[in-house]
């Protein structure tokens, strides 16, 4: 019986599969296809996550909320921004599957 690779062995870094240009083009193709719906937030979130992936960064939810949703860093908005960024992320991943 052949050995099945473990999850760790089968995972590859995104830069091993796509060049940055290919990844950007794929992102634009997904956004342009309309599969994400009419919300500009979904496309902005996907573009932001692609840029982070290319730069090998893992953004925090608050960074997503500030950078993608365009809100300030005031204390009163922190909870709302985290909730909204979480909601956008969840909807984006549901649309992808």
Foldseek 3Di string as FASTA:
>chain_A
DDDDDDPVVPDDQPCVPDPLVRLQVVLVVVVVVCLLPDDPLLSLLSNVVSVCSNVVHDDDQQCSLCVRVVDDDDPVCSVVSSVVSVVSVVSNVVSVD
